[in-house]
Amino acid sequence: MAVRKFAISVPEEVMKEVDRAAAGLRTTRSGFVADVLRRVARARSDREITRRVNQLFADPDVAGEQRATAAAFRKKVPREGWEW
């Protein structure tokens, strides 16, 4: 994976905490920070996906169709052997 270096200003106490956390995970400071940034970026994407799905299912017609499909599926599927 390609990497890019950049400089940021971080309070010294925060860097100490980052270094302790990275050491506890047996990773580098850069690896730790990259993982945190990746998780934050994904969380934003996940929240947007959730918002869109919730918006879709807020539509009464879509929600009703989904309930009807689920009910029809339950009638067709054997009761045993499909435990999740």
PDB file of N, CA and C in Angstrom:
ATOM      1  N   MET A   1       0.846  -1.168   0.000  1.00  0.00           N
ATOM      2  CA  MET A   1       0.000   0.000   0.000  1.00  0.00           C
ATOM      3  C   MET A   1       0.895   1.237   0.000  1.00  0.00           C
ATOM      4  N   ALA A   2       0.552   2.180  -0.828  1.00  0.00           N
ATOM      5  CA  ALA A   2       1.307   3.429  -0.867  1.00  0.00           C
ATOM      6  C   ALA A   2       1.056   4.220   0.412  1.00  0.00           C
ATOM      7  N   VAL A   3       2.058   4.919   0.855  1.00  0.00           N
ATOM      8  CA  VAL A   3       1.908   5.734   2.060  1.00  0.00           C
ATOM      9  C   VAL A   3       2.258   7.178   1.747  1.00  0.00           C
ATOM     10  N   ARG A   4       1.722   8.058   2.544  1.00  0.00           N
ATOM     11  CA  ARG A   4       2.017   9.476   2.397  1.00  0.00           C
ATOM     12  C   ARG A   4       2.343  10.018   3.779  1.00  0.00           C
ATOM     13  N   LYS A   5       3.418  10.748   3.870  1.00  0.00           N
ATOM     14  CA  LYS A   5       3.797  11.371   5.128  1.00  0.00           C
ATOM     15  C   LYS A   5       3.173  12.758   5.201  1.00  0.00           C
ATOM     16  N   PHE A   6       2.790  13.137   6.418  1.00  0.00           N
ATOM     17  CA  PHE A   6       2.306  14.489   6.636  1.00  0.00           C
ATOM     18  C   PHE A   6       2.590  14.871   8.078  1.00  0.00           C
ATOM     19  N   ALA A   7       2.616  16.136   8.340  1.00  0.00           N
ATOM     20  CA  ALA A   7       2.925  16.633   9.679  1.00  0.00           C
ATOM     21  C   ALA A   7       1.669  17.221  10.307  1.00  0.00           C
ATOM     22  N   ILE A   8       1.484  16.907  11.581  1.00  0.00           N
ATOM     23  CA  ILE A   8       0.387  17.498  12.340  1.00  0.00           C
ATOM     24  C   ILE A   8       0.929  17.918  13.705  1.00  0.00           C
ATOM     25  N   SER A   9       0.239  18.831  14.328  1.00  0.00           N
ATOM     26  CA  SER A   9       0.606  19.254  15.675  1.00  0.00           C
ATOM     27  C   SER A   9      -0.349  18.585  16.650  1.00  0.00           C
ATOM     28  N   VAL A  10       0.235  17.899  17.634  1.00  0.00           N
ATOM     29  CA  VAL A  10      -0.555  17.168  18.620  1.00  0.00           C
ATOM     30  C   VAL A  10       0.011  17.505  19.997  1.00  0.00           C
ATOM     31  N   PRO A  11      -0.855  17.760  20.972  1.00  0.00           N
ATOM     32  CA  PRO A  11      -0.349  18.031  22.319  1.00  0.00           C
ATOM     33  C   PRO A  11       0.515  16.871  22.819  1.00  0.00           C
ATOM     34  N   GLU A  12       1.546  17.214  23.559  1.00  0.00           N
ATOM     35  CA  GLU A  12       2.505  16.214  24.027  1.00  0.00           C
ATOM     36  C   GLU A  12       1.826  15.104  24.835  1.00  0.00           C
ATOM     37  N   GLU A  13       0.886  15.457  25.684  1.00  0.00           N
ATOM     38  CA  GLU A  13       0.208  14.444  26.497  1.00  0.00           C
ATOM     39  C   GLU A  13      -0.576  13.458  25.619  1.00  0.00           C
ATOM     40  N   VAL A  14      -1.159  13.959  24.548  1.00  0.00           N
ATOM     41  CA  VAL A  14      -1.883  13.069  23.619  1.00  0.00           C
ATOM     42  C   VAL A  14      -0.902  12.109  22.964  1.00  0.00           C
ATOM     43  N   MET A  15       0.257  12.621  22.569  1.00  0.00           N
ATOM     44  CA  MET A  15       1.257  11.746  21.935  1.00  0.00           C
ATOM     45  C   MET A  15       1.729  10.670  22.903  1.00  0.00           C
ATOM     46  N   LYS A  16       1.864  11.032  24.180  1.00  0.00           N
ATOM     47  CA  LYS A  16       2.252  10.027  25.168  1.00  0.00           C
ATOM     48  C   LYS A  16       1.197   8.923  25.259  1.00  0.00           C
ATOM     49  N   GLU A  17      -0.068   9.329  25.228  1.00  0.00           N
ATOM     50  CA  GLU A  17      -1.146   8.350  25.270  1.00  0.00           C
ATOM     51  C   GLU A  17      -1.148   7.477  24.012  1.00  0.00           C
ATOM     52  N   VAL A  18      -0.918   8.112  22.870  1.00  0.00           N
ATOM     53  CA  VAL A  18      -0.842   7.360  21.611  1.00  0.00           C
ATOM     54  C   VAL A  18       0.305   6.354  21.669  1.00  0.00           C
ATOM     55  N   ASP A  19       1.452   6.796  22.147  1.00  0.00           N
ATOM     56  CA  ASP A  19       2.610   5.900  22.235  1.00  0.00           C
ATOM     57  C   ASP A  19       2.349   4.732  23.187  1.00  0.00           C
ATOM     58  N   ARG A  20       1.694   5.003  24.319  1.00  0.00           N
ATOM     59  CA  ARG A  20       1.364   3.918  25.261  1.00  0.00           C
ATOM     60  C   ARG A  20       0.387   2.931  24.618  1.00  0.00           C
ATOM     61  N   ALA A  21      -0.624   3.464  23.942  1.00  0.00           N
ATOM     62  CA  ALA A  21      -1.609   2.598  23.296  1.00  0.00           C
ATOM     63  C   ALA A  21      -0.960   1.765  22.199  1.00  0.00           C
ATOM     64  N   ALA A  22      -0.108   2.382  21.394  1.00  0.00           N
ATOM     65  CA  ALA A  22       0.578   1.659  20.318  1.00  0.00           C
ATOM     66  C   ALA A  22       1.464   0.563  20.890  1.00  0.00           C
ATOM     67  N   ALA A  23       2.195   0.890  21.949  1.00  0.00           N
ATOM     68  CA  ALA A  23       3.070  -0.105  22.580  1.00  0.00           C
ATOM     69  C   ALA A  23       2.242  -1.262  23.131  1.00  0.00           C
ATOM     70  N   GLY A  24       1.104  -0.937  23.723  1.00  0.00           N
ATOM     71  CA  GLY A  24       0.233  -1.984  24.257  1.00  0.00           C
ATOM     72  C   GLY A  24      -0.287  -2.921  23.187  1.00  0.00           C
ATOM     73  N   LEU A  25      -0.422  -2.416  21.989  1.00  0.00           N
ATOM     74  CA  LEU A  25      -0.881  -3.238  20.860  1.00  0.00           C
ATOM     75  C   LEU A  25       0.283  -3.796  20.048  1.00  0.00           C
ATOM     76  N   ARG A  26       1.486  -3.467  20.488  1.00  0.00           N
ATOM     77  CA  ARG A  26       2.707  -3.910  19.796  1.00  0.00           C
ATOM     78  C   ARG A  26       2.720  -3.482  18.332  1.00  0.00           C
ATOM     79  N   THR A  27       2.422  -2.203  18.147  1.00  0.00           N
ATOM     80  CA  THR A  27       2.464  -1.633  16.810  1.00  0.00           C
ATOM     81  C   THR A  27       3.225  -0.310  16.882  1.00  0.00           C
ATOM     82  N   THR A  28       3.466   0.274  15.748  1.00  0.00           N
ATOM     83  CA  THR A  28       4.159   1.556  15.705  1.00  0.00           C
ATOM     84  C   THR A  28       3.173   2.693  15.923  1.00  0.00           C
ATOM     85  N   ARG A  29       3.717   3.849  16.228  1.00  0.00           N
ATOM     86  CA  ARG A  29       2.882   5.044  16.348  1.00  0.00           C
ATOM     87  C   ARG A  29       2.139   5.279  15.032  1.00  0.00           C
ATOM     88  N   SER A  30       2.869   5.205  13.920  1.00  0.00           N
ATOM     89  CA  SER A  30       2.237   5.427  12.610  1.00  0.00           C
ATOM     90  C   SER A  30       1.139   4.406  12.341  1.00  0.00           C
ATOM     91  N   GLY A  31       1.417   3.157  12.656  1.00  0.00           N
ATOM     92  CA  GLY A  31       0.409   2.111  12.441  1.00  0.00           C
ATOM     93  C   GLY A  31      -0.826   2.347  13.286  1.00  0.00           C
ATOM     94  N   PHE A  32      -0.606   2.733  14.537  1.00  0.00           N
ATOM     95  CA  PHE A  32      -1.730   3.002  15.436  1.00  0.00           C
ATOM     96  C   PHE A  32      -2.574   4.160  14.921  1.00  0.00           C
ATOM     97  N   VAL A  33      -1.914   5.270  14.575  1.00  0.00           N
ATOM     98  CA  VAL A  33      -2.640   6.446  14.098  1.00  0.00           C
ATOM     99  C   VAL A  33      -3.373   6.133  12.789  1.00  0.00           C
ATOM    100  N   ALA A  34      -2.723   5.410  11.885  1.00  0.00           N
ATOM    101  CA  ALA A  34      -3.376   5.043  10.622  1.00  0.00           C
ATOM    102  C   ALA A  34      -4.615   4.197  10.885  1.00  0.00           C
ATOM    103  N   ASP A  35      -4.536   3.259  11.838  1.00  0.00           N
ATOM    104  CA  ASP A  35      -5.689   2.415  12.161  1.00  0.00           C
ATOM    105  C   ASP A  35      -6.832   3.246  12.742  1.00  0.00           C
ATOM    106  N   VAL A  36      -6.502   4.183  13.638  1.00  0.00           N
ATOM    107  CA  VAL A  36      -7.533   5.045  14.223  1.00  0.00           C
ATOM    108  C   VAL A  36      -8.202   5.886  13.138  1.00  0.00           C
ATOM    109  N   LEU A  37      -7.406   6.473  12.262  1.00  0.00           N
ATOM    110  CA  LEU A  37      -7.974   7.282  11.178  1.00  0.00           C
ATOM    111  C   LEU A  37      -8.850   6.452  10.251  1.00  0.00           C
ATOM    112  N   ARG A  38      -8.410   5.229   9.942  1.00  0.00           N
ATOM    113  CA  ARG A  38      -9.201   4.329   9.100  1.00  0.00           C
ATOM    114  C   ARG A  38     -10.550   4.031   9.754  1.00  0.00           C
ATOM    115  N   ARG A  39     -10.528   3.743  11.055  1.00  0.00           N
ATOM    116  CA  ARG A  39     -11.771   3.428  11.772  1.00  0.00           C
ATOM    117  C   ARG A  39     -12.726   4.616  11.800  1.00  0.00           C
ATOM    118  N   VAL A  40     -12.184   5.804  11.997  1.00  0.00           N
ATOM    119  CA  VAL A  40     -13.023   7.002  12.013  1.00  0.00           C
ATOM    120  C   VAL A  40     -13.659   7.215  10.639  1.00  0.00           C
ATOM    121  N   ALA A  41     -12.861   7.070   9.599  1.00  0.00           N
ATOM    122  CA  ALA A  41     -13.387   7.258   8.239  1.00  0.00           C
ATOM    123  C   ALA A  41     -14.470   6.229   7.936  1.00  0.00           C
ATOM    124  N   ARG A  42     -14.251   4.976   8.317  1.00  0.00           N
ATOM    125  CA  ARG A  42     -15.257   3.936   8.078  1.00  0.00           C
ATOM    126  C   ARG A  42     -16.520   4.190   8.885  1.00  0.00           C
ATOM    127  N   ALA A  43     -16.370   4.650  10.110  1.00  0.00           N
ATOM    128  CA  ALA A  43     -17.536   4.916  10.951  1.00  0.00           C
ATOM    129  C   ALA A  43     -18.422   5.967  10.306  1.00  0.00           C
ATOM    130  N   ARG A  44     -17.800   6.983   9.727  1.00  0.00           N
ATOM    131  CA  ARG A  44     -18.594   8.003   9.029  1.00  0.00           C
ATOM    132  C   ARG A  44     -19.339   7.386   7.860  1.00  0.00           C
ATOM    133  N   SER A  45     -18.664   6.516   7.107  1.00  0.00           N
ATOM    134  CA  SER A  45     -19.306   5.851   5.971  1.00  0.00           C
ATOM    135  C   SER A  45     -20.431   4.946   6.455  1.00  0.00           C
ATOM    136  N   ASP A  46     -20.175   4.206   7.540  1.00  0.00           N
ATOM    137  CA  ASP A  46     -21.192   3.304   8.081  1.00  0.00           C
ATOM    138  C   ASP A  46     -22.415   4.085   8.547  1.00  0.00           C
ATOM    139  N   ARG A  47     -22.205   5.227   9.198  1.00  0.00           N
ATOM    140  CA  ARG A  47     -23.330   6.051   9.643  1.00  0.00           C
ATOM    141  C   ARG A  47     -24.149   6.540   8.454  1.00  0.00           C
ATOM    142  N   GLU A  48     -23.481   6.904   7.373  1.00  0.00           N
ATOM    143  CA  GLU A  48     -24.198   7.375   6.188  1.00  0.00           C
ATOM    144  C   GLU A  48     -25.001   6.246   5.565  1.00  0.00           C
ATOM    145  N   ILE A  49     -24.430   5.059   5.501  1.00  0.00           N
ATOM    146  CA  ILE A  49     -25.160   3.905   4.963  1.00  0.00           C
ATOM    147  C   ILE A  49     -26.378   3.624   5.828  1.00  0.00           C
ATOM    148  N   THR A  50     -26.197   3.620   7.140  1.00  0.00           N
ATOM    149  CA  THR A  50     -27.312   3.376   8.060  1.00  0.00           C
ATOM    150  C   THR A  50     -28.396   4.428   7.886  1.00  0.00           C
ATOM    151  N   ARG A  51     -27.993   5.682   7.747  1.00  0.00           N
ATOM    152  CA  ARG A  51     -28.966   6.758   7.550  1.00  0.00           C
ATOM    153  C   ARG A  51     -29.786   6.533   6.283  1.00  0.00           C
ATOM    154  N   ARG A  52     -29.120   6.128   5.219  1.00  0.00           N
ATOM    155  CA  ARG A  52     -29.831   5.900   3.952  1.00  0.00           C
ATOM    156  C   ARG A  52     -30.771   4.704   4.029  1.00  0.00           C
ATOM    157  N   VAL A  53     -30.322   3.632   4.676  1.00  0.00           N
ATOM    158  CA  VAL A  53     -31.184   2.456   4.824  1.00  0.00           C
ATOM    159  C   VAL A  53     -32.396   2.806   5.679  1.00  0.00           C
ATOM    160  N   ASN A  54     -32.170   3.517   6.778  1.00  0.00           N
ATOM    161  CA  ASN A  54     -33.282   3.928   7.634  1.00  0.00           C
ATOM    162  C   ASN A  54     -34.260   4.811   6.877  1.00  0.00           C
ATOM    163  N   GLN A  55     -33.734   5.689   6.059  1.00  0.00           N
ATOM    164  CA  GLN A  55     -34.585   6.568   5.257  1.00  0.00           C
ATOM    165  C   GLN A  55     -35.423   5.741   4.277  1.00  0.00           C
ATOM    166  N   LEU A  56     -34.799   4.755   3.660  1.00  0.00           N
ATOM    167  CA  LEU A  56     -35.514   3.894   2.722  1.00  0.00           C
ATOM    168  C   LEU A  56     -36.659   3.165   3.415  1.00  0.00           C
ATOM    169  N   PHE A  57     -36.354   2.559   4.580  1.00  0.00           N
ATOM    170  CA  PHE A  57     -37.376   1.773   5.259  1.00  0.00           C
ATOM    171  C   PHE A  57     -38.379   2.623   6.023  1.00  0.00           C
ATOM    172  N   ALA A  58     -38.171   3.922   6.077  1.00  0.00           N
ATOM    173  CA  ALA A  58     -39.164   4.816   6.657  1.00  0.00           C
ATOM    174  C   ALA A  58     -40.349   4.981   5.708  1.00  0.00           C
ATOM    175  N   ASP A  59     -40.141   4.648   4.446  1.00  0.00           N
ATOM    176  CA  ASP A  59     -41.217   4.700   3.453  1.00  0.00           C
ATOM    177  C   ASP A  59     -42.203   3.578   3.767  1.00  0.00           C
ATOM    178  N   PRO A  60     -43.465   3.897   4.074  1.00  0.00           N
ATOM    179  CA  PRO A  60     -44.438   2.865   4.444  1.00  0.00           C
ATOM    180  C   PRO A  60     -44.630   1.790   3.374  1.00  0.00           C
ATOM    181  N   ASP A  61     -44.561   2.158   2.111  1.00  0.00           N
ATOM    182  CA  ASP A  61     -44.735   1.173   1.040  1.00  0.00           C
ATOM    183  C   ASP A  61     -43.589   0.166   1.030  1.00  0.00           C
ATOM    184  N   VAL A  62     -42.366   0.653   1.173  1.00  0.00           N
ATOM    185  CA  VAL A  62     -41.192  -0.231   1.184  1.00  0.00           C
ATOM    186  C   VAL A  62     -41.240  -1.130   2.414  1.00  0.00           C
ATOM    187  N   ALA A  63     -41.532  -0.549   3.568  1.00  0.00           N
ATOM    188  CA  ALA A  63     -41.584  -1.336   4.806  1.00  0.00           C
ATOM    189  C   ALA A  63     -42.669  -2.405   4.712  1.00  0.00           C
ATOM    190  N   GLY A  64     -43.823  -2.059   4.166  1.00  0.00           N
ATOM    191  CA  GLY A  64     -44.910  -3.031   4.017  1.00  0.00           C
ATOM    192  C   GLY A  64     -44.532  -4.160   3.071  1.00  0.00           C
ATOM    193  N   GLU A  65     -43.868  -3.810   1.980  1.00  0.00           N
ATOM    194  CA  GLU A  65     -43.418  -4.831   1.031  1.00  0.00           C
ATOM    195  C   GLU A  65     -42.413  -5.779   1.685  1.00  0.00           C
ATOM    196  N   GLN A  66     -41.518  -5.237   2.481  1.00  0.00           N
ATOM    197  CA  GLN A  66     -40.534  -6.074   3.173  1.00  0.00           C
ATOM    198  C   GLN A  66     -41.210  -7.010   4.173  1.00  0.00           C
ATOM    199  N   ARG A  67     -42.190  -6.501   4.912  1.00  0.00           N
ATOM    200  CA  ARG A  67     -42.920  -7.360   5.857  1.00  0.00           C
ATOM    201  C   ARG A  67     -43.658  -8.473   5.125  1.00  0.00           C
ATOM    202  N   ALA A  68     -44.289  -8.139   4.010  1.00  0.00           N
ATOM    203  CA  ALA A  68     -45.020  -9.145   3.231  1.00  0.00           C
ATOM    204  C   ALA A  68     -44.065 -10.205   2.684  1.00  0.00           C
ATOM    205  N   THR A  69     -42.909  -9.787   2.197  1.00  0.00           N
ATOM    206  CA  THR A  69     -41.918 -10.734   1.677  1.00  0.00           C
ATOM    207  C   THR A  69     -41.418 -11.646   2.787  1.00  0.00           C
ATOM    208  N   ALA A  70     -41.147 -11.080   3.954  1.00  0.00           N
ATOM    209  CA  ALA A  70     -40.680 -11.886   5.089  1.00  0.00           C
ATOM    210  C   ALA A  70     -41.742 -12.894   5.515  1.00  0.00           C
ATOM    211  N   ALA A  71     -42.992 -12.474   5.551  1.00  0.00           N
ATOM    212  CA  ALA A  71     -44.079 -13.378   5.935  1.00  0.00           C
ATOM    213  C   ALA A  71     -44.219 -14.516   4.923  1.00  0.00           C
ATOM    214  N   ALA A  72     -44.129 -14.206   3.638  1.00  0.00           N
ATOM    215  CA  ALA A  72     -44.222 -15.234   2.597  1.00  0.00           C
ATOM    216  C   ALA A  72     -43.052 -16.206   2.702  1.00  0.00           C
ATOM    217  N   PHE A  73     -41.886 -15.703   2.985  1.00  0.00           N
ATOM    218  CA  PHE A  73     -40.706 -16.549   3.134  1.00  0.00           C
ATOM    219  C   PHE A  73     -40.862 -17.495   4.317  1.00  0.00           C
ATOM    220  N   ARG A  74     -41.370 -16.959   5.442  1.00  0.00           N
ATOM    221  CA  ARG A  74     -41.567 -17.805   6.633  1.00  0.00           C
ATOM    222  C   ARG A  74     -42.506 -18.966   6.337  1.00  0.00           C
ATOM    223  N   LYS A  75     -43.499 -18.761   5.501  1.00  0.00           N
ATOM    224  CA  LYS A  75     -44.454 -19.825   5.164  1.00  0.00           C
ATOM    225  C   LYS A  75     -43.802 -20.917   4.318  1.00  0.00           C
ATOM    226  N   LYS A  76     -42.810 -20.572   3.541  1.00  0.00           N
ATOM    227  CA  LYS A  76     -42.178 -21.519   2.616  1.00  0.00           C
ATOM    228  C   LYS A  76     -41.017 -22.284   3.233  1.00  0.00           C
ATOM    229  N   VAL A  77     -40.382 -21.729   4.253  1.00  0.00           N
ATOM    230  CA  VAL A  77     -39.175 -22.317   4.828  1.00  0.00           C
ATOM    231  C   VAL A  77     -39.551 -23.315   5.919  1.00  0.00           C
ATOM    232  N   PRO A  78     -38.934 -24.501   5.913  1.00  0.00           N
ATOM    233  CA  PRO A  78     -39.203 -25.456   6.993  1.00  0.00           C
ATOM    234  C   PRO A  78     -38.841 -24.845   8.348  1.00  0.00           C
ATOM    235  N   ARG A  79     -39.587 -25.208   9.368  1.00  0.00           N
ATOM    236  CA  ARG A  79     -39.363 -24.647  10.712  1.00  0.00           C
ATOM    237  C   ARG A  79     -38.079 -25.128  11.354  1.00  0.00           C
ATOM    238  N   GLU A  80     -37.624 -26.322  10.996  1.00  0.00           N
ATOM    239  CA  GLU A  80     -36.440 -26.869  11.630  1.00  0.00           C
ATOM    240  C   GLU A  80     -35.312 -26.944  10.617  1.00  0.00           C
ATOM    241  N   GLY A  81     -34.099 -26.837  11.132  1.00  0.00           N
ATOM    242  CA  GLY A  81     -32.920 -26.940  10.285  1.00  0.00           C
ATOM    243  C   GLY A  81     -32.445 -25.604   9.732  1.00  0.00           C
ATOM    244  N   TRP A  82     -33.140 -24.539  10.062  1.00  0.00           N
ATOM    245  CA  TRP A  82     -32.747 -23.219   9.562  1.00  0.00           C
ATOM    246  C   TRP A  82     -32.368 -22.279  10.696  1.00  0.00           C
ATOM    247  N   GLU A  83     -32.027 -22.836  11.859  1.00  0.00           N
ATOM    248  CA  GLU A  83     -31.651 -21.980  12.979  1.00  0.00           C
ATOM    249  C   GLU A  83     -30.345 -21.276  12.640  1.00  0.00           C
ATOM    250  N   TRP A  84     -30.282 -20.026  12.952  1.00  0.00           N
ATOM    251  CA  TRP A  84     -29.089 -19.239  12.659  1.00  0.00           C
ATOM    252  C   TRP A  84     -28.351 -19.115  13.921  1.00  0.00           C
TER     253      TRP A  84
END
